[in-house]
PDB file of N, CA and C in Angstrom:
ATOM      1  N   UNK A   1     112.873 124.704 102.553  1.00  0.00           N
ATOM      2  CA  UNK A   1     113.783 125.795 102.869  1.00  0.00           C
ATOM      3  C   UNK A   1     113.464 127.049 102.042  1.00  0.00           C
ATOM      4  N   UNK A   2     113.783 128.178 102.588  1.00  0.00           N
ATOM      5  CA  UNK A   2     113.538 129.428 101.882  1.00  0.00           C
ATOM      6  C   UNK A   2     114.521 129.568 100.725  1.00  0.00           C
ATOM      7  N   UNK A   3     114.095 130.306  99.709  1.00  0.00           N
ATOM      8  CA  UNK A   3     114.906 130.576  98.515  1.00  0.00           C
ATOM      9  C   UNK A   3     115.271 129.317  97.734  1.00  0.00           C
ATOM     10  N   UNK A   4     114.472 128.287  97.835  1.00  0.00           N
ATOM     11  CA  UNK A   4     114.685 127.055  97.064  1.00  0.00           C
ATOM     12  C   UNK A   4     113.455 126.799  96.208  1.00  0.00           C
ATOM     13  N   UNK A   5     113.676 126.333  94.995  1.00  0.00           N
ATOM     14  CA  UNK A   5     112.553 125.975  94.127  1.00  0.00           C
ATOM     15  C   UNK A   5     112.040 124.600  94.520  1.00  0.00           C
ATOM     16  N   UNK A   6     110.743 124.503  94.703  1.00  0.00           N
ATOM     17  CA  UNK A   6     110.131 123.241  95.110  1.00  0.00           C
ATOM     18  C   UNK A   6     109.378 122.670  93.916  1.00  0.00           C
ATOM     19  N   UNK A   7     109.672 121.430  93.580  1.00  0.00           N
ATOM     20  CA  UNK A   7     109.052 120.762  92.440  1.00  0.00           C
ATOM     21  C   UNK A   7     107.792 120.054  92.923  1.00  0.00           C
ATOM     22  N   UNK A   8     106.707 120.234  92.196  1.00  0.00           N
ATOM     23  CA  UNK A   8     105.448 119.592  92.548  1.00  0.00           C
ATOM     24  C   UNK A   8     105.492 118.092  92.292  1.00  0.00           C
ATOM     25  N   UNK A   9     104.564 117.372  92.890  1.00  0.00           N
ATOM     26  CA  UNK A   9     104.484 115.919  92.719  1.00  0.00           C
ATOM     27  C   UNK A   9     103.057 115.519  92.382  1.00  0.00           C
ATOM     28  N   UNK A  10     102.912 114.331  91.847  1.00  0.00           N
ATOM     29  CA  UNK A  10     101.585 113.757  91.635  1.00  0.00           C
ATOM     30  C   UNK A  10     101.707 112.243  91.630  1.00  0.00           C
ATOM     31  N   UNK A  11     100.606 111.590  91.956  1.00  0.00           N
ATOM     32  CA  UNK A  11     100.559 110.136  91.952  1.00  0.00           C
ATOM     33  C   UNK A  11     100.154 109.650  90.568  1.00  0.00           C
ATOM     34  N   UNK A  12     100.810 108.594  90.097  1.00  0.00           N
ATOM     35  CA  UNK A  12     100.452 107.950  88.834  1.00  0.00           C
ATOM     36  C   UNK A  12     100.017 106.534  89.170  1.00  0.00           C
ATOM     37  N   UNK A  13      98.816 106.173  88.731  1.00  0.00           N
ATOM     38  CA  UNK A  13      98.249 104.855  89.015  1.00  0.00           C
ATOM     39  C   UNK A  13      98.124 104.067  87.719  1.00  0.00           C
ATOM     40  N   UNK A  14      98.399 102.765  87.791  1.00  0.00           N
ATOM     41  CA  UNK A  14      98.280 101.899  86.625  1.00  0.00           C
ATOM     42  C   UNK A  14      97.825 100.519  87.075  1.00  0.00           C
ATOM     43  N   UNK A  15      96.948  99.932  86.301  1.00  0.00           N
ATOM     44  CA  UNK A  15      96.506  98.565  86.549  1.00  0.00           C
ATOM     45  C   UNK A  15      97.325  97.609  85.699  1.00  0.00           C
ATOM     46  N   UNK A  16      97.806  96.530  86.300  1.00  0.00           N
ATOM     47  CA  UNK A  16      98.497  95.474  85.557  1.00  0.00           C
ATOM     48  C   UNK A  16      97.452  94.445  85.157  1.00  0.00           C
ATOM     49  N   UNK A  17      97.440  94.086  83.880  1.00  0.00           N
ATOM     50  CA  UNK A  17      96.440  93.165  83.354  1.00  0.00           C
ATOM     51  C   UNK A  17      97.077  91.837  82.975  1.00  0.00           C
ATOM     52  N   UNK A  18      96.281  90.771  83.047  1.00  0.00           N
ATOM     53  CA  UNK A  18      96.752  89.473  82.565  1.00  0.00           C
ATOM     54  C   UNK A  18      96.384  89.345  81.087  1.00  0.00           C
ATOM     55  N   UNK A  19      96.643  88.181  80.505  1.00  0.00           N
ATOM     56  CA  UNK A  19      96.385  87.990  79.075  1.00  0.00           C
ATOM     57  C   UNK A  19      94.903  88.065  78.708  1.00  0.00           C
ATOM     58  N   UNK A  20      94.021  87.901  79.682  1.00  0.00           N
ATOM     59  CA  UNK A  20      92.577  88.002  79.435  1.00  0.00           C
ATOM     60  C   UNK A  20      92.060  89.430  79.597  1.00  0.00           C
ATOM     61  N   UNK A  21      92.937  90.344  79.981  1.00  0.00           N
ATOM     62  CA  UNK A  21      92.527  91.724  80.186  1.00  0.00           C
ATOM     63  C   UNK A  21      91.964  92.000  81.560  1.00  0.00           C
ATOM     64  N   UNK A  22      92.122  91.055  82.487  1.00  0.00           N
ATOM     65  CA  UNK A  22      91.626  91.232  83.849  1.00  0.00           C
ATOM     66  C   UNK A  22      92.708  91.877  84.707  1.00  0.00           C
ATOM     67  N   UNK A  23      92.285  92.725  85.625  1.00  0.00           N
ATOM     68  CA  UNK A  23      93.229  93.401  86.515  1.00  0.00           C
ATOM     69  C   UNK A  23      93.807  92.383  87.492  1.00  0.00           C
ATOM     70  N   UNK A  24      95.145  92.275  87.522  1.00  0.00           N
ATOM     71  CA  UNK A  24      95.802  91.352  88.447  1.00  0.00           C
ATOM     72  C   UNK A  24      96.386  92.082  89.652  1.00  0.00           C
ATOM     73  N   UNK A  25      96.807  93.326  89.458  1.00  0.00           N
ATOM     74  CA  UNK A  25      97.294  94.115  90.583  1.00  0.00           C
ATOM     75  C   UNK A  25      97.331  95.579  90.178  1.00  0.00           C
ATOM     76  N   UNK A  26      97.425  96.419  91.175  1.00  0.00           N
ATOM     77  CA  UNK A  26      97.488  97.862  90.958  1.00  0.00           C
ATOM     78  C   UNK A  26      98.896  98.336  91.284  1.00  0.00           C
ATOM     79  N   UNK A  27      99.393  99.253  90.482  1.00  0.00           N
ATOM     80  CA  UNK A  27     100.702  99.840  90.742  1.00  0.00           C
ATOM     81  C   UNK A  27     100.528 101.344  90.875  1.00  0.00           C
ATOM     82  N   UNK A  28     101.316 101.930  91.741  1.00  0.00           N
ATOM     83  CA  UNK A  28     101.300 103.372  91.881  1.00  0.00           C
ATOM     84  C   UNK A  28     102.710 103.848  92.156  1.00  0.00           C
ATOM     85  N   UNK A  29     102.962 105.102  91.751  1.00  0.00           N
ATOM     86  CA  UNK A  29     104.262 105.696  92.049  1.00  0.00           C
ATOM     87  C   UNK A  29     104.106 107.203  92.127  1.00  0.00           C
ATOM     88  N   UNK A  30     104.949 107.803  92.908  1.00  0.00           N
ATOM     89  CA  UNK A  30     104.952 109.248  93.070  1.00  0.00           C
ATOM     90  C   UNK A  30     105.982 109.814  92.105  1.00  0.00           C
ATOM     91  N   UNK A  31     105.571 110.747  91.258  1.00  0.00           N
ATOM     92  CA  UNK A  31     106.479 111.324  90.274  1.00  0.00           C
ATOM     93  C   UNK A  31     106.545 112.835  90.461  1.00  0.00           C
ATOM     94  N   UNK A  32     107.654 113.413  90.032  1.00  0.00           N
ATOM     95  CA  UNK A  32     107.821 114.861  90.082  1.00  0.00           C
ATOM     96  C   UNK A  32     107.275 115.483  88.811  1.00  0.00           C
ATOM     97  N   UNK A  33     106.771 116.687  88.939  1.00  0.00           N
ATOM     98  CA  UNK A  33     106.262 117.428  87.783  1.00  0.00           C
ATOM     99  C   UNK A  33     107.426 118.177  87.136  1.00  0.00           C
ATOM    100  N   UNK A  34     108.275 117.420  86.464  1.00  0.00           N
ATOM    101  CA  UNK A  34     109.461 118.004  85.845  1.00  0.00           C
ATOM    102  C   UNK A  34     109.146 119.001  84.756  1.00  0.00           C
ATOM    103  N   UNK A  35     107.969 118.892  84.148  1.00  0.00           N
ATOM    104  CA  UNK A  35     107.590 119.814  83.083  1.00  0.00           C
ATOM    105  C   UNK A  35     107.417 121.243  83.590  1.00  0.00           C
ATOM    106  N   UNK A  36     107.306 121.431  84.891  1.00  0.00           N
ATOM    107  CA  UNK A  36     107.132 122.764  85.457  1.00  0.00           C
ATOM    108  C   UNK A  36     108.469 123.436  85.756  1.00  0.00           C
ATOM    109  N   UNK A  37     109.570 122.741  85.529  1.00  0.00           N
ATOM    110  CA  UNK A  37     110.881 123.308  85.802  1.00  0.00           C
ATOM    111  C   UNK A  37     111.292 124.275  84.691  1.00  0.00           C
ATOM    112  N   UNK A  38     112.150 125.228  85.035  1.00  0.00           N
ATOM    113  CA  UNK A  38     112.616 126.235  84.096  1.00  0.00           C
ATOM    114  C   UNK A  38     114.112 126.049  83.884  1.00  0.00           C
ATOM    115  N   UNK A  39     114.523 125.964  82.609  1.00  0.00           N
ATOM    116  CA  UNK A  39     115.947 125.789  82.304  1.00  0.00           C
ATOM    117  C   UNK A  39     116.730 127.006  82.790  1.00  0.00           C
ATOM    118  N   UNK A  40     117.877 126.761  83.398  1.00  0.00           N
ATOM    119  CA  UNK A  40     118.699 127.824  83.940  1.00  0.00           C
ATOM    120  C   UNK A  40     118.345 128.192  85.367  1.00  0.00           C
ATOM    121  N   UNK A  41     117.141 127.828  85.808  1.00  0.00           N
ATOM    122  CA  UNK A  41     116.722 128.091  87.187  1.00  0.00           C
ATOM    123  C   UNK A  41     116.712 126.789  87.968  1.00  0.00           C
ATOM    124  N   UNK A  42     115.976 125.800  87.466  1.00  0.00           N
ATOM    125  CA  UNK A  42     115.848 124.517  88.151  1.00  0.00           C
ATOM    126  C   UNK A  42     116.871 123.486  87.686  1.00  0.00           C
ATOM    127  N   UNK A  43     117.395 123.645  86.481  1.00  0.00           N
ATOM    128  CA  UNK A  43     118.397 122.710  85.965  1.00  0.00           C
ATOM    129  C   UNK A  43     119.257 123.429  84.941  1.00  0.00           C
ATOM    130  N   UNK A  44     120.446 122.878  84.694  1.00  0.00           N
ATOM    131  CA  UNK A  44     121.371 123.499  83.749  1.00  0.00           C
ATOM    132  C   UNK A  44     121.371 122.809  82.394  1.00  0.00           C
ATOM    133  N   UNK A  45     121.311 121.486  82.390  1.00  0.00           N
ATOM    134  CA  UNK A  45     121.372 120.764  81.124  1.00  0.00           C
ATOM    135  C   UNK A  45     120.554 119.487  81.222  1.00  0.00           C
ATOM    136  N   UNK A  46     120.165 118.986  80.071  1.00  0.00           N
ATOM    137  CA  UNK A  46     119.453 117.712  80.011  1.00  0.00           C
ATOM    138  C   UNK A  46     120.225 116.778  79.105  1.00  0.00           C
ATOM    139  N   UNK A  47     120.011 115.498  79.291  1.00  0.00           N
ATOM    140  CA  UNK A  47     120.717 114.508  78.488  1.00  0.00           C
ATOM    141  C   UNK A  47     119.825 113.301  78.314  1.00  0.00           C
ATOM    142  N   UNK A  48     119.678 112.866  77.085  1.00  0.00           N
ATOM    143  CA  UNK A  48     118.846 111.714  76.776  1.00  0.00           C
ATOM    144  C   UNK A  48     119.687 110.704  76.016  1.00  0.00           C
ATOM    145  N   UNK A  49     119.630 109.453  76.423  1.00  0.00           N
ATOM    146  CA  UNK A  49     120.391 108.400  75.763  1.00  0.00           C
ATOM    147  C   UNK A  49     119.617 107.844  74.574  1.00  0.00           C
ATOM    148  N   UNK A  50     119.453 108.659  73.552  1.00  0.00           N
ATOM    149  CA  UNK A  50     118.782 108.234  72.327  1.00  0.00           C
ATOM    150  C   UNK A  50     119.656 108.673  71.166  1.00  0.00           C
ATOM    151  N   UNK A  51     119.952 107.741  70.288  1.00  0.00           N
ATOM    152  CA  UNK A  51     120.807 108.053  69.144  1.00  0.00           C
ATOM    153  C   UNK A  51     120.035 108.852  68.107  1.00  0.00           C
ATOM    154  N   UNK A  52     120.732 109.781  67.457  1.00  0.00           N
ATOM    155  CA  UNK A  52     120.121 110.517  66.356  1.00  0.00           C
ATOM    156  C   UNK A  52     119.998 109.597  65.155  1.00  0.00           C
ATOM    157  N   UNK A  53     119.016 109.852  64.317  1.00  0.00           N
ATOM    158  CA  UNK A  53     118.765 109.000  63.164  1.00  0.00           C
ATOM    159  C   UNK A  53     119.965 108.971  62.216  1.00  0.00           C
ATOM    160  N   UNK A  54     120.683 110.083  62.075  1.00  0.00           N
ATOM    161  CA  UNK A  54     121.867 110.116  61.216  1.00  0.00           C
ATOM    162  C   UNK A  54     122.928 109.141  61.717  1.00  0.00           C
ATOM    163  N   UNK A  55     123.091 109.063  63.044  1.00  0.00           N
ATOM    164  CA  UNK A  55     124.081 108.147  63.617  1.00  0.00           C
ATOM    165  C   UNK A  55     123.678 106.696  63.387  1.00  0.00           C
ATOM    166  N   UNK A  56     122.391 106.404  63.485  1.00  0.00           N
ATOM    167  CA  UNK A  56     121.916 105.035  63.247  1.00  0.00           C
ATOM    168  C   UNK A  56     122.141 104.645  61.794  1.00  0.00           C
ATOM    169  N   UNK A  57     121.818 105.549  60.863  1.00  0.00           N
ATOM    170  CA  UNK A  57     122.028 105.270  59.433  1.00  0.00           C
ATOM    171  C   UNK A  57     123.506 105.040  59.131  1.00  0.00           C
ATOM    172  N   UNK A  58     124.370 105.865  59.704  1.00  0.00           N
ATOM    173  CA  UNK A  58     125.806 105.709  59.483  1.00  0.00           C
ATOM    174  C   UNK A  58     126.294 104.378  60.034  1.00  0.00           C
ATOM    175  N   UNK A  59     125.837 104.020  61.223  1.00  0.00           N
ATOM    176  CA  UNK A  59     126.223 102.744  61.820  1.00  0.00           C
ATOM    177  C   UNK A  59     125.777 101.574  60.953  1.00  0.00           C
ATOM    178  N   UNK A  60     124.524 101.591  60.489  1.00  0.00           N
ATOM    179  CA  UNK A  60     124.012 100.495  59.662  1.00  0.00           C
ATOM    180  C   UNK A  60     124.735 100.418  58.324  1.00  0.00           C
ATOM    181  N   UNK A  61     125.052 101.570  57.736  1.00  0.00           N
ATOM    182  CA  UNK A  61     125.792 101.568  56.468  1.00  0.00           C
ATOM    183  C   UNK A  61     127.182 100.975  56.660  1.00  0.00           C
ATOM    184  N   UNK A  62     127.859 101.354  57.741  1.00  0.00           N
ATOM    185  CA  UNK A  62     129.199 100.824  58.007  1.00  0.00           C
ATOM    186  C   UNK A  62     129.148  99.326  58.304  1.00  0.00           C
ATOM    187  N   UNK A  63     128.156  98.896  59.091  1.00  0.00           N
ATOM    188  CA  UNK A  63     128.014  97.472  59.408  1.00  0.00           C
ATOM    189  C   UNK A  63     127.744  96.663  58.148  1.00  0.00           C
ATOM    190  N   UNK A  64     126.932  97.196  57.245  1.00  0.00           N
ATOM    191  CA  UNK A  64     126.662  96.511  55.979  1.00  0.00           C
ATOM    192  C   UNK A  64     127.920  96.450  55.125  1.00  0.00           C
ATOM    193  N   UNK A  65     128.653  97.542  55.062  1.00  0.00           N
ATOM    194  CA  UNK A  65     129.897  97.601  54.282  1.00  0.00           C
ATOM    195  C   UNK A  65     130.914  96.573  54.779  1.00  0.00           C
ATOM    196  N   UNK A  66     131.016  96.425  56.095  1.00  0.00           N
ATOM    197  CA  UNK A  66     131.979  95.488  56.686  1.00  0.00           C
ATOM    198  C   UNK A  66     131.435  94.069  56.794  1.00  0.00           C
ATOM    199  N   UNK A  67     130.140  93.875  56.537  1.00  0.00           N
ATOM    200  CA  UNK A  67     129.540  92.546  56.626  1.00  0.00           C
ATOM    201  C   UNK A  67     129.266  92.091  58.050  1.00  0.00           C
ATOM    202  N   UNK A  68     129.097  93.036  58.966  1.00  0.00           N
ATOM    203  CA  UNK A  68     128.821  92.693  60.362  1.00  0.00           C
ATOM    204  C   UNK A  68     127.366  92.276  60.532  1.00  0.00           C
ATOM    205  N   UNK A  69     127.117  91.405  61.506  1.00  0.00           N
ATOM    206  CA  UNK A  69     125.747  91.092  61.902  1.00  0.00           C
ATOM    207  C   UNK A  69     125.316  92.123  62.942  1.00  0.00           C
ATOM    208  N   UNK A  70     124.121  92.644  62.788  1.00  0.00           N
ATOM    209  CA  UNK A  70     123.598  93.655  63.708  1.00  0.00           C
ATOM    210  C   UNK A  70     122.374  93.074  64.405  1.00  0.00           C
ATOM    211  N   UNK A  71     122.337  93.177  65.727  1.00  0.00           N
ATOM    212  CA  UNK A  71     121.217  92.692  66.523  1.00  0.00           C
ATOM    213  C   UNK A  71     120.540  93.875  67.194  1.00  0.00           C
ATOM    214  N   UNK A  72     119.226  93.819  67.270  1.00  0.00           N
ATOM    215  CA  UNK A  72     118.454  94.863  67.932  1.00  0.00           C
ATOM    216  C   UNK A  72     118.017  94.353  69.292  1.00  0.00           C
ATOM    217  N   UNK A  73     118.052  95.224  70.307  1.00  0.00           N
ATOM    218  CA  UNK A  73     117.583  94.853  71.632  1.00  0.00           C
ATOM    219  C   UNK A  73     116.978  96.071  72.308  1.00  0.00           C
ATOM    220  N   UNK A  74     116.204  95.821  73.327  1.00  0.00           N
ATOM    221  CA  UNK A  74     115.543  96.883  74.066  1.00  0.00           C
ATOM    222  C   UNK A  74     115.874  96.720  75.542  1.00  0.00           C
ATOM    223  N   UNK A  75     116.304  97.797  76.182  1.00  0.00           N
ATOM    224  CA  UNK A  75     116.620  97.776  77.607  1.00  0.00           C
ATOM    225  C   UNK A  75     115.613  98.674  78.308  1.00  0.00           C
ATOM    226  N   UNK A  76     114.855  98.112  79.231  1.00  0.00           N
ATOM    227  CA  UNK A  76     113.840  98.883  79.947  1.00  0.00           C
ATOM    228  C   UNK A  76     114.384  99.354  81.292  1.00  0.00           C
ATOM    229  N   UNK A  77     113.978 100.520  81.700  1.00  0.00           N
ATOM    230  CA  UNK A  77     114.317 101.080  83.015  1.00  0.00           C
ATOM    231  C   UNK A  77     115.816 101.236  83.217  1.00  0.00           C
ATOM    232  N   UNK A  78     116.524 101.611  82.171  1.00  0.00           N
ATOM    233  CA  UNK A  78     117.971 101.727  82.278  1.00  0.00           C
ATOM    234  C   UNK A  78     118.385 102.789  83.287  1.00  0.00           C
ATOM    235  N   UNK A  79     117.772 103.955  83.225  1.00  0.00           N
ATOM    236  CA  UNK A  79     118.167 105.051  84.097  1.00  0.00           C
ATOM    237  C   UNK A  79     117.018 105.473  85.006  1.00  0.00           C
ATOM    238  N   UNK A  80     116.277 104.493  85.490  1.00  0.00           N
ATOM    239  CA  UNK A  80     115.140 104.796  86.350  1.00  0.00           C
ATOM    240  C   UNK A  80     115.594 105.393  87.680  1.00  0.00           C
ATOM    241  N   UNK A  81     116.645 104.848  88.251  1.00  0.00           N
ATOM    242  CA  UNK A  81     117.143 105.316  89.543  1.00  0.00           C
ATOM    243  C   UNK A  81     118.576 105.796  89.383  1.00  0.00           C
ATOM    244  N   UNK A  82     118.745 107.075  89.170  1.00  0.00           N
ATOM    245  CA  UNK A  82     120.078 107.645  89.011  1.00  0.00           C
ATOM    246  C   UNK A  82     120.512 108.373  90.267  1.00  0.00           C
ATOM    247  N   UNK A  83     121.788 108.713  90.325  1.00  0.00           N
ATOM    248  CA  UNK A  83     122.329 109.461  91.456  1.00  0.00           C
ATOM    249  C   UNK A  83     122.284 110.951  91.149  1.00  0.00           C
ATOM    250  N   UNK A  84     121.875 111.758  92.127  1.00  0.00           N
ATOM    251  CA  UNK A  84     121.845 113.205  91.985  1.00  0.00           C
ATOM    252  C   UNK A  84     123.019 113.803  92.744  1.00  0.00           C
ATOM    253  N   UNK A  85     123.671 114.787  92.129  1.00  0.00           N
ATOM    254  CA  UNK A  85     124.802 115.449  92.773  1.00  0.00           C
ATOM    255  C   UNK A  85     124.398 116.752  93.452  1.00  0.00           C
ATOM    256  N   UNK A  86     123.147 117.170  93.292  1.00  0.00           N
ATOM    257  CA  UNK A  86     122.683 118.397  93.906  1.00  0.00           C
ATOM    258  C   UNK A  86     121.420 118.131  94.715  1.00  0.00           C
ATOM    259  N   UNK A  87     121.074 119.094  95.564  1.00  0.00           N
ATOM    260  CA  UNK A  87     119.875 118.945  96.381  1.00  0.00           C
ATOM    261  C   UNK A  87     118.649 119.295  95.552  1.00  0.00           C
ATOM    262  N   UNK A  88     117.606 118.494  95.690  1.00  0.00           N
ATOM    263  CA  UNK A  88     116.343 118.721  94.996  1.00  0.00           C
ATOM    264  C   UNK A  88     115.241 118.691  96.042  1.00  0.00           C
ATOM    265  N   UNK A  89     114.336 119.658  95.982  1.00  0.00           N
ATOM    266  CA  UNK A  89     113.243 119.737  96.943  1.00  0.00           C
ATOM    267  C   UNK A  89     111.925 119.520  96.210  1.00  0.00           C
ATOM    268  N   UNK A  90     111.081 118.627  96.757  1.00  0.00           N
ATOM    269  CA  UNK A  90     109.780 118.346  96.161  1.00  0.00           C
ATOM    270  C   UNK A  90     108.691 118.562  97.196  1.00  0.00           C
ATOM    271  N   UNK A  91     107.469 118.775  96.698  1.00  0.00           N
ATOM    272  CA  UNK A  91     106.319 118.909  97.592  1.00  0.00           C
ATOM    273  C   UNK A  91     106.016 117.584  98.269  1.00  0.00           C
ATOM    274  N   UNK A  92     105.518 117.668  99.478  1.00  0.00           N
ATOM    275  CA  UNK A  92     105.056 116.454 100.137  1.00  0.00           C
ATOM    276  C   UNK A  92     103.746 116.023  99.496  1.00  0.00           C
ATOM    277  N   UNK A  93     103.541 114.730  99.334  1.00  0.00           N
ATOM    278  CA  UNK A  93     102.273 114.265  98.770  1.00  0.00           C
ATOM    279  C   UNK A  93     101.104 114.573  99.701  1.00  0.00           C
ATOM    280  N   UNK A  94      99.920 114.715  99.115  1.00  0.00           N
ATOM    281  CA  UNK A  94      98.716 114.936  99.922  1.00  0.00           C
ATOM    282  C   UNK A  94      98.541 113.789 100.909  1.00  0.00           C
ATOM    283  N   UNK A  95      98.160 114.124 102.113  1.00  0.00           N
ATOM    284  CA  UNK A  95      97.937 113.113 103.135  1.00  0.00           C
ATOM    285  C   UNK A  95      99.174 112.762 103.932  1.00  0.00           C
ATOM    286  N   UNK A  96     100.336 113.261 103.544  1.00  0.00           N
ATOM    287  CA  UNK A  96     101.569 112.984 104.270  1.00  0.00           C
ATOM    288  C   UNK A  96     101.755 114.074 105.309  1.00  0.00           C
ATOM    289  N   UNK A  97     101.905 113.687 106.571  1.00  0.00           N
ATOM    290  CA  UNK A  97     102.107 114.681 107.620  1.00  0.00           C
ATOM    291  C   UNK A  97     103.089 114.144 108.646  1.00  0.00           C
ATOM    292  N   UNK A  98     103.797 115.059 109.262  1.00  0.00           N
ATOM    293  CA  UNK A  98     104.757 114.728 110.307  1.00  0.00           C
ATOM    294  C   UNK A  98     104.344 115.406 111.601  1.00  0.00           C
ATOM    295  N   UNK A  99     104.644 114.765 112.709  1.00  0.00           N
ATOM    296  CA  UNK A  99     104.375 115.398 113.997  1.00  0.00           C
ATOM    297  C   UNK A  99     105.500 116.359 114.360  1.00  0.00           C
ATOM    298  N   UNK A 100     106.661 116.159 113.773  1.00  0.00           N
ATOM    299  CA  UNK A 100     107.803 117.031 114.020  1.00  0.00           C
ATOM    300  C   UNK A 100     108.025 117.904 112.794  1.00  0.00           C
ATOM    301  N   UNK A 101     108.657 119.050 112.976  1.00  0.00           N
ATOM    302  CA  UNK A 101     108.920 119.963 111.864  1.00  0.00           C
ATOM    303  C   UNK A 101     110.313 119.673 111.308  1.00  0.00           C
ATOM    304  N   UNK A 102     110.417 118.634 110.481  1.00  0.00           N
ATOM    305  CA  UNK A 102     111.701 118.244 109.903  1.00  0.00           C
ATOM    306  C   UNK A 102     111.592 118.191 108.390  1.00  0.00           C
ATOM    307  N   UNK A 103     112.709 118.443 107.729  1.00  0.00           N
ATOM    308  CA  UNK A 103     112.796 118.271 106.280  1.00  0.00           C
ATOM    309  C   UNK A 103     113.512 116.964 106.004  1.00  0.00           C
ATOM    310  N   UNK A 104     112.973 116.159 105.103  1.00  0.00           N
ATOM    311  CA  UNK A 104     113.600 114.900 104.743  1.00  0.00           C
ATOM    312  C   UNK A 104     113.945 114.906 103.289  1.00  0.00           C
TER     313      UNK A 104
END
């Protein structure tokens, strides 16, 4: 559409290896070039779910003071697929073509 910012895309390829280092399968995904976006034009705010080091130190000090047991864990792909409240337009990948003139 006219007067809309279009975000570029690129393919990312990765080989999955077994314990011997042999390729077991290939993975690919289409990603947006978010680094090309401009704050205030393409987005208003960003948010990352990472604690500041001061907060971690305070938490550990309090847990030690109270005698709590603290466990560490890692969660992968927590926010991989989020919901968007606004319209976002991206470039079509190379090789993608439609016979009809439609926007998807």
